[in-house]
């Protein structure tokens, strides 16, 4: 049961960080379009935020996958 909970938490965390990264990119892309076609938003701040959130999401996803793999007994990573 503990392993099943860890697997579900791993999937949930991965999905949550994916959503945060997607929302960050959505804001950045929206700002780019506004810059090109209309109002001037804080485009650089939004781009930096999107990149940072994506990097964090990737790192956390890799870390969670390794923890889940170790919990399963797979030491190939």
C-alpha atoms as a PDB file:
ATOM      1  CA  UNK A   1       0.000   0.000   0.000  1.00  0.00           C
ATOM      2  CA  UNK A   2       2.865   2.393   0.801  1.00  0.00           C
ATOM      3  CA  UNK A   3       4.325   1.908  -2.674  1.00  0.00           C
ATOM      4  CA  UNK A   4       0.959   2.569  -4.288  1.00  0.00           C
ATOM      5  CA  UNK A   5       0.587   5.819  -2.328  1.00  0.00           C
ATOM      6  CA  UNK A   6       4.102   6.873  -3.376  1.00  0.00           C
ATOM      7  CA  UNK A   7       3.305   6.132  -7.030  1.00  0.00           C
ATOM      8  CA  UNK A   8       0.083   8.149  -6.866  1.00  0.00           C
ATOM      9  CA  UNK A   9       1.824  11.060  -5.112  1.00  0.00           C
ATOM     10  CA  UNK A  10       4.552  10.943  -7.754  1.00  0.00           C
ATOM     11  CA  UNK A  11       1.974  11.182 -10.531  1.00  0.00           C
ATOM     12  CA  UNK A  12       0.107  13.961  -8.742  1.00  0.00           C
ATOM     13  CA  UNK A  13       3.255  16.025  -8.146  1.00  0.00           C
ATOM     14  CA  UNK A  14       4.331  15.572 -11.750  1.00  0.00           C
ATOM     15  CA  UNK A  15       0.933  16.705 -13.003  1.00  0.00           C
ATOM     16  CA  UNK A  16       0.873  19.663 -10.609  1.00  0.00           C
ATOM     17  CA  UNK A  17       4.276  20.949 -11.687  1.00  0.00           C
ATOM     18  CA  UNK A  18       3.348  20.392 -15.317  1.00  0.00           C
ATOM     19  CA  UNK A  19       0.284  22.551 -14.801  1.00  0.00           C
ATOM     20  CA  UNK A  20       2.299  25.314 -13.125  1.00  0.00           C
ATOM     21  CA  UNK A  21       4.837  25.265 -15.966  1.00  0.00           C
ATOM     22  CA  UNK A  22       2.055  25.343 -18.555  1.00  0.00           C
ATOM     23  CA  UNK A  23       0.404  28.307 -16.854  1.00  0.00           C
ATOM     24  CA  UNK A  24       3.733  30.135 -16.675  1.00  0.00           C
ATOM     25  CA  UNK A  25       4.312  29.609 -20.396  1.00  0.00           C
ATOM     26  CA  UNK A  26       0.745  30.646 -21.124  1.00  0.00           C
ATOM     27  CA  UNK A  27       1.348  33.974 -19.405  1.00  0.00           C
ATOM     28  CA  UNK A  28       4.674  34.469 -21.154  1.00  0.00           C
ATOM     29  CA  UNK A  29       3.274  33.713 -24.587  1.00  0.00           C
ATOM     30  CA  UNK A  30       0.292  35.968 -23.927  1.00  0.00           C
ATOM     31  CA  UNK A  31       2.691  38.775 -23.011  1.00  0.00           C
ATOM     32  CA  UNK A  32       4.655  38.227 -26.219  1.00  0.00           C
ATOM     33  CA  UNK A  33       1.510  38.555 -28.294  1.00  0.00           C
ATOM     34  CA  UNK A  34       0.507  41.668 -26.358  1.00  0.00           C
ATOM     35  CA  UNK A  35       3.980  43.096 -26.959  1.00  0.00           C
ATOM     36  CA  UNK A  36       3.784  42.364 -30.664  1.00  0.00           C
ATOM     37  CA  UNK A  37       0.180  43.364 -31.179  1.00  0.00           C
ATOM     38  CA  UNK A  38      -0.800  45.689 -28.374  1.00  0.00           C
ATOM     39  CA  UNK A  39      -0.057  46.673 -24.794  1.00  0.00           C
ATOM     40  CA  UNK A  40       3.380  46.434 -23.201  1.00  0.00           C
ATOM     41  CA  UNK A  41       3.411  43.973 -20.289  1.00  0.00           C
ATOM     42  CA  UNK A  42       6.274  42.758 -18.142  1.00  0.00           C
ATOM     43  CA  UNK A  43       7.432  40.375 -20.849  1.00  0.00           C
ATOM     44  CA  UNK A  44      10.934  39.655 -19.563  1.00  0.00           C
ATOM     45  CA  UNK A  45       9.754  38.961 -16.049  1.00  0.00           C
ATOM     46  CA  UNK A  46       7.121  36.572 -17.364  1.00  0.00           C
ATOM     47  CA  UNK A  47       9.616  34.791 -19.618  1.00  0.00           C
ATOM     48  CA  UNK A  48      12.121  34.408 -16.798  1.00  0.00           C
ATOM     49  CA  UNK A  49       9.347  33.124 -14.542  1.00  0.00           C
ATOM     50  CA  UNK A  50       8.262  30.580 -17.165  1.00  0.00           C
ATOM     51  CA  UNK A  51      11.825  29.326 -17.658  1.00  0.00           C
ATOM     52  CA  UNK A  52      12.503  29.082 -13.913  1.00  0.00           C
ATOM     53  CA  UNK A  53       9.243  27.249 -13.231  1.00  0.00           C
ATOM     54  CA  UNK A  54       9.923  24.844 -16.098  1.00  0.00           C
ATOM     55  CA  UNK A  55      13.421  24.085 -14.805  1.00  0.00           C
ATOM     56  CA  UNK A  56      12.101  23.514 -11.289  1.00  0.00           C
ATOM     57  CA  UNK A  57       9.320  21.297 -12.630  1.00  0.00           C
ATOM     58  CA  UNK A  58      11.812  19.169 -14.581  1.00  0.00           C
ATOM     59  CA  UNK A  59      14.166  18.840 -11.602  1.00  0.00           C
ATOM     60  CA  UNK A  60      11.383  17.920  -9.199  1.00  0.00           C
ATOM     61  CA  UNK A  61       9.915  15.462 -11.694  1.00  0.00           C
ATOM     62  CA  UNK A  62      13.283  13.731 -12.127  1.00  0.00           C
ATOM     63  CA  UNK A  63      13.817  13.664  -8.354  1.00  0.00           C
ATOM     64  CA  UNK A  64      10.356  12.247  -7.675  1.00  0.00           C
ATOM     65  CA  UNK A  65      10.832   9.606 -10.378  1.00  0.00           C
ATOM     66  CA  UNK A  66      14.143   8.544  -8.816  1.00  0.00           C
ATOM     67  CA  UNK A  67      12.612   8.334  -5.341  1.00  0.00           C
ATOM     68  CA  UNK A  68       9.741   6.245  -6.703  1.00  0.00           C
ATOM     69  CA  UNK A  69      12.193   4.033  -8.600  1.00  0.00           C
ATOM     70  CA  UNK A  70      14.302   3.459  -5.491  1.00  0.00           C
ATOM     71  CA  UNK A  71      11.190   2.637  -3.507  1.00  0.00           C
ATOM     72  CA  UNK A  72      10.362  -0.033  -6.090  1.00  0.00           C
ATOM     73  CA  UNK A  73      13.848  -1.481  -5.716  1.00  0.00           C
ATOM     74  CA  UNK A  74      15.103  -0.487  -9.164  1.00  0.00           C
ATOM     75  CA  UNK A  75      18.638   0.888  -8.747  1.00  0.00           C
ATOM     76  CA  UNK A  76      19.404   1.267 -12.461  1.00  0.00           C
ATOM     77  CA  UNK A  77      19.222   5.067 -12.323  1.00  0.00           C
END
